[in-house]
Every structure is written in structure tokens, then in C-alpha cells.
Amino acid sequence: MTHKPFHLYKRSTTRKNKFIYYVQFYDEDGNRLTARSTGQNSKAAAETWAYEQLKKGVIVTEKNITFGKYAENWWEWNKC
């Protein structure tokens, strides 16, 4: 079984019995990055969101990335 490139977990919200899934992506060394909200309340939707972020290149998992590479799409609509 292969390892997913991220870890999902639930966090409760201020509303009673409500929760949101958060995701932590792994860097190239296998260490977890800072958690971020998926905005989703179902595990399937949260997984889909996480895979979409990876596919779009929104999540940077490389350690030795140059600023130029990181910011190359800064002025491109829907790419940064």
C-alpha cells in the first residue's frame, strides 16, 4: 500500500457537532508541513481538494526551491 502525500484530520468548529477537515502535506523528506483547512466537512471532499491542490502546484513540497521558481506565477490569474 502506498503512502498518501498528505494527512487528513478533523477539527471541530464553533458550531455544535460540526467539523472541518484539515490537511498536512508532506515535504520531500517525509516531514509534515503546516496544516491548512480544506473547507470541507466530508473526508472524500477533503481528499479531492488536497489532490487538486497538489495537481495545480499550489502546495510547495520542495525544500530547495528558488524564489524565482516559487513566484513565477505570482501575476498570473488563478495560478498563484
N, C-alpha and C. Protein backbone atom coordinates (compact mmCIF):
# COMPACT_ATOMS: atom_id res chain seq x y z
N MET A 1 0.85 -1.18 0.00
CA MET A 1 0.00 0.00 0.00
C MET A 1 0.90 1.25 0.00
N THR A 2 0.61 2.18 -0.88
CA THR A 2 1.43 3.39 -0.96
C THR A 2 0.96 4.44 0.03
N HIS A 3 1.86 5.27 0.36
CA HIS A 3 1.63 6.34 1.33
C HIS A 3 1.03 7.55 0.61
N LYS A 4 -0.06 8.11 1.12
CA LYS A 4 -0.64 9.32 0.54
C LYS A 4 0.31 10.49 0.77
N PRO A 5 0.30 11.48 -0.12
CA PRO A 5 1.20 12.63 0.04
C PRO A 5 0.70 13.65 1.06
N PHE A 6 -0.31 13.27 1.84
CA PHE A 6 -0.85 14.18 2.84
C PHE A 6 -1.54 13.39 3.95
N HIS A 7 -1.87 14.09 5.03
CA HIS A 7 -2.58 13.50 6.17
C HIS A 7 -3.80 14.37 6.45
N LEU A 8 -4.97 13.77 6.58
CA LEU A 8 -6.21 14.49 6.88
C LEU A 8 -6.62 14.25 8.33
N TYR A 9 -7.19 15.27 8.94
CA TYR A 9 -7.77 15.09 10.27
C TYR A 9 -8.90 16.10 10.46
N LYS A 10 -9.82 15.77 11.37
CA LYS A 10 -10.98 16.62 11.65
C LYS A 10 -10.69 17.56 12.80
N ARG A 11 -11.23 18.78 12.69
CA ARG A 11 -11.20 19.73 13.80
C ARG A 11 -12.61 20.26 13.98
N SER A 12 -13.04 20.37 15.22
CA SER A 12 -14.38 20.88 15.48
C SER A 12 -14.43 22.38 15.24
N THR A 13 -15.62 22.85 14.93
CA THR A 13 -15.84 24.28 14.71
C THR A 13 -16.57 24.84 15.92
N THR A 14 -16.91 26.11 15.86
CA THR A 14 -17.64 26.72 16.97
C THR A 14 -19.10 26.28 16.99
N ARG A 15 -19.57 25.74 15.89
CA ARG A 15 -20.94 25.23 15.85
C ARG A 15 -20.99 23.84 16.48
N LYS A 16 -22.05 23.56 17.17
CA LYS A 16 -22.19 22.28 17.86
C LYS A 16 -22.24 21.13 16.85
N ASN A 17 -21.45 20.11 17.12
CA ASN A 17 -21.39 18.89 16.30
C ASN A 17 -20.99 19.13 14.85
N LYS A 18 -20.25 20.18 14.58
CA LYS A 18 -19.76 20.46 13.23
C LYS A 18 -18.25 20.35 13.22
N PHE A 19 -17.69 19.99 12.08
CA PHE A 19 -16.24 19.89 11.97
C PHE A 19 -15.81 20.18 10.54
N ILE A 20 -14.54 20.47 10.39
CA ILE A 20 -13.91 20.73 9.10
C ILE A 20 -12.65 19.86 9.03
N TYR A 21 -12.36 19.36 7.86
CA TYR A 21 -11.13 18.59 7.67
C TYR A 21 -9.96 19.52 7.40
N TYR A 22 -8.86 19.22 8.04
CA TYR A 22 -7.59 19.92 7.81
C TYR A 22 -6.62 18.95 7.16
N VAL A 23 -5.66 19.48 6.45
CA VAL A 23 -4.69 18.65 5.75
C VAL A 23 -3.27 19.10 6.07
N GLN A 24 -2.38 18.13 6.17
CA GLN A 24 -0.95 18.41 6.29
C GLN A 24 -0.28 17.64 5.16
N PHE A 25 0.39 18.37 4.28
CA PHE A 25 1.12 17.76 3.19
C PHE A 25 2.51 17.38 3.68
N TYR A 26 3.14 16.44 2.99
CA TYR A 26 4.50 16.01 3.33
C TYR A 26 5.50 16.67 2.39
N ASP A 27 6.65 17.06 2.93
CA ASP A 27 7.71 17.60 2.08
C ASP A 27 8.50 16.44 1.46
N GLU A 28 9.53 16.76 0.71
CA GLU A 28 10.29 15.72 0.00
C GLU A 28 11.03 14.77 0.93
N ASP A 29 11.23 15.16 2.20
CA ASP A 29 11.88 14.29 3.18
C ASP A 29 10.89 13.49 4.01
N GLY A 30 9.59 13.68 3.76
CA GLY A 30 8.57 12.95 4.51
C GLY A 30 8.09 13.65 5.76
N ASN A 31 8.55 14.88 5.99
CA ASN A 31 8.10 15.65 7.16
C ASN A 31 6.80 16.37 6.83
N ARG A 32 5.93 16.49 7.82
CA ARG A 32 4.66 17.18 7.61
C ARG A 32 4.88 18.69 7.57
N LEU A 33 4.14 19.34 6.67
CA LEU A 33 4.16 20.79 6.57
C LEU A 33 3.05 21.37 7.44
N THR A 34 2.97 22.67 7.52
CA THR A 34 1.95 23.34 8.32
C THR A 34 0.55 22.95 7.84
N ALA A 35 -0.34 22.70 8.79
CA ALA A 35 -1.70 22.30 8.46
C ALA A 35 -2.48 23.47 7.88
N ARG A 36 -3.42 23.14 7.01
CA ARG A 36 -4.32 24.15 6.46
C ARG A 36 -5.72 23.57 6.31
N SER A 37 -6.70 24.42 6.39
CA SER A 37 -8.09 24.00 6.29
C SER A 37 -8.43 23.66 4.85
N THR A 38 -9.19 22.58 4.68
CA THR A 38 -9.68 22.24 3.34
C THR A 38 -11.01 22.92 3.08
N GLY A 39 -11.68 23.35 4.14
CA GLY A 39 -13.01 23.95 3.98
C GLY A 39 -14.09 22.91 3.72
N GLN A 40 -13.75 21.65 3.86
CA GLN A 40 -14.67 20.55 3.55
C GLN A 40 -15.10 19.84 4.83
N ASN A 41 -16.34 19.34 4.83
CA ASN A 41 -16.80 18.60 6.01
C ASN A 41 -17.03 17.12 5.73
N SER A 42 -16.58 16.64 4.58
CA SER A 42 -16.59 15.20 4.33
C SER A 42 -15.17 14.78 3.94
N LYS A 43 -14.81 13.57 4.33
CA LYS A 43 -13.45 13.10 4.07
C LYS A 43 -13.18 12.98 2.57
N ALA A 44 -14.15 12.49 1.82
CA ALA A 44 -13.97 12.33 0.37
C ALA A 44 -13.74 13.68 -0.30
N ALA A 45 -14.52 14.69 0.09
CA ALA A 45 -14.35 16.02 -0.49
C ALA A 45 -13.01 16.63 -0.10
N ALA A 46 -12.58 16.38 1.13
CA ALA A 46 -11.28 16.89 1.59
C ALA A 46 -10.13 16.24 0.83
N GLU A 47 -10.22 14.93 0.58
CA GLU A 47 -9.19 14.25 -0.21
C GLU A 47 -9.14 14.79 -1.63
N THR A 48 -10.30 14.99 -2.22
CA THR A 48 -10.37 15.55 -3.57
C THR A 48 -9.73 16.93 -3.60
N TRP A 49 -10.04 17.76 -2.61
CA TRP A 49 -9.47 19.11 -2.52
C TRP A 49 -7.95 19.03 -2.42
N ALA A 50 -7.44 18.15 -1.58
CA ALA A 50 -6.00 18.02 -1.37
C ALA A 50 -5.30 17.58 -2.66
N TYR A 51 -5.85 16.58 -3.35
CA TYR A 51 -5.24 16.13 -4.60
C TYR A 51 -5.28 17.23 -5.66
N GLU A 52 -6.36 18.02 -5.69
CA GLU A 52 -6.44 19.14 -6.64
C GLU A 52 -5.36 20.18 -6.36
N GLN A 53 -5.11 20.46 -5.08
CA GLN A 53 -4.07 21.43 -4.72
C GLN A 53 -2.70 20.95 -5.18
N LEU A 54 -2.43 19.67 -5.01
CA LEU A 54 -1.16 19.10 -5.47
C LEU A 54 -1.05 19.15 -6.99
N LYS A 55 -2.16 18.81 -7.66
CA LYS A 55 -2.16 18.79 -9.12
C LYS A 55 -1.92 20.19 -9.69
N LYS A 56 -2.53 21.20 -9.07
CA LYS A 56 -2.37 22.59 -9.53
C LYS A 56 -1.00 23.15 -9.21
N GLY A 57 -0.29 22.51 -8.30
CA GLY A 57 1.01 23.01 -7.90
C GLY A 57 0.94 24.10 -6.85
N VAL A 58 -0.20 24.20 -6.18
CA VAL A 58 -0.39 25.22 -5.14
C VAL A 58 0.47 24.91 -3.93
N ILE A 59 0.64 23.64 -3.62
CA ILE A 59 1.41 23.22 -2.46
C ILE A 59 2.87 23.01 -2.87
N VAL A 60 3.77 23.69 -2.21
CA VAL A 60 5.20 23.55 -2.49
C VAL A 60 5.78 22.56 -1.49
N THR A 61 6.23 21.42 -1.99
CA THR A 61 6.79 20.39 -1.11
C THR A 61 8.30 20.27 -1.25
N GLU A 62 8.89 21.07 -2.14
CA GLU A 62 10.34 21.05 -2.32
C GLU A 62 11.01 21.93 -1.27
N LYS A 63 12.15 21.50 -0.78
CA LYS A 63 12.88 22.30 0.21
C LYS A 63 13.79 23.33 -0.44
N ASN A 64 14.46 22.96 -1.50
CA ASN A 64 15.46 23.84 -2.11
C ASN A 64 14.89 24.53 -3.35
N ILE A 65 13.82 25.26 -3.18
CA ILE A 65 13.19 25.96 -4.30
C ILE A 65 13.66 27.42 -4.29
N THR A 66 13.95 27.94 -5.45
CA THR A 66 14.38 29.33 -5.54
C THR A 66 13.17 30.25 -5.46
N PHE A 67 13.42 31.49 -5.07
CA PHE A 67 12.32 32.45 -5.01
C PHE A 67 11.72 32.66 -6.40
N GLY A 68 12.56 32.69 -7.42
CA GLY A 68 12.09 32.88 -8.79
C GLY A 68 11.10 31.79 -9.19
N LYS A 69 11.42 30.55 -8.86
CA LYS A 69 10.53 29.43 -9.17
C LYS A 69 9.23 29.53 -8.36
N TYR A 70 9.36 29.87 -7.08
CA TYR A 70 8.20 30.00 -6.20
C TYR A 70 7.25 31.09 -6.69
N ALA A 71 7.78 32.21 -7.16
CA ALA A 71 6.97 33.38 -7.51
C ALA A 71 6.70 33.52 -9.01
N GLU A 72 7.05 32.52 -9.82
CA GLU A 72 6.93 32.69 -11.26
C GLU A 72 5.50 32.93 -11.74
N ASN A 73 4.51 32.42 -11.05
CA ASN A 73 3.11 32.62 -11.46
C ASN A 73 2.39 33.68 -10.63
N TRP A 74 3.14 34.48 -9.91
CA TRP A 74 2.54 35.45 -8.99
C TRP A 74 1.52 36.36 -9.67
N TRP A 75 1.82 36.84 -10.86
CA TRP A 75 0.93 37.78 -11.55
C TRP A 75 -0.03 37.09 -12.51
N GLU A 76 -0.04 35.77 -12.55
CA GLU A 76 -0.94 35.02 -13.42
C GLU A 76 -2.24 34.71 -12.67
N TRP A 77 -3.34 35.11 -13.25
CA TRP A 77 -4.64 34.89 -12.63
C TRP A 77 -4.90 33.40 -12.46
N ASN A 78 -5.37 32.98 -11.28
CA ASN A 78 -5.70 31.59 -10.93
C ASN A 78 -4.51 30.63 -10.98
N LYS A 79 -3.29 31.13 -10.86
CA LYS A 79 -2.13 30.24 -10.85
C LYS A 79 -1.30 30.36 -9.59
N CYS A 80 -1.43 31.44 -8.85
CA CYS A 80 -0.57 31.58 -7.67
C CYS A 80 -1.25 31.04 -6.44
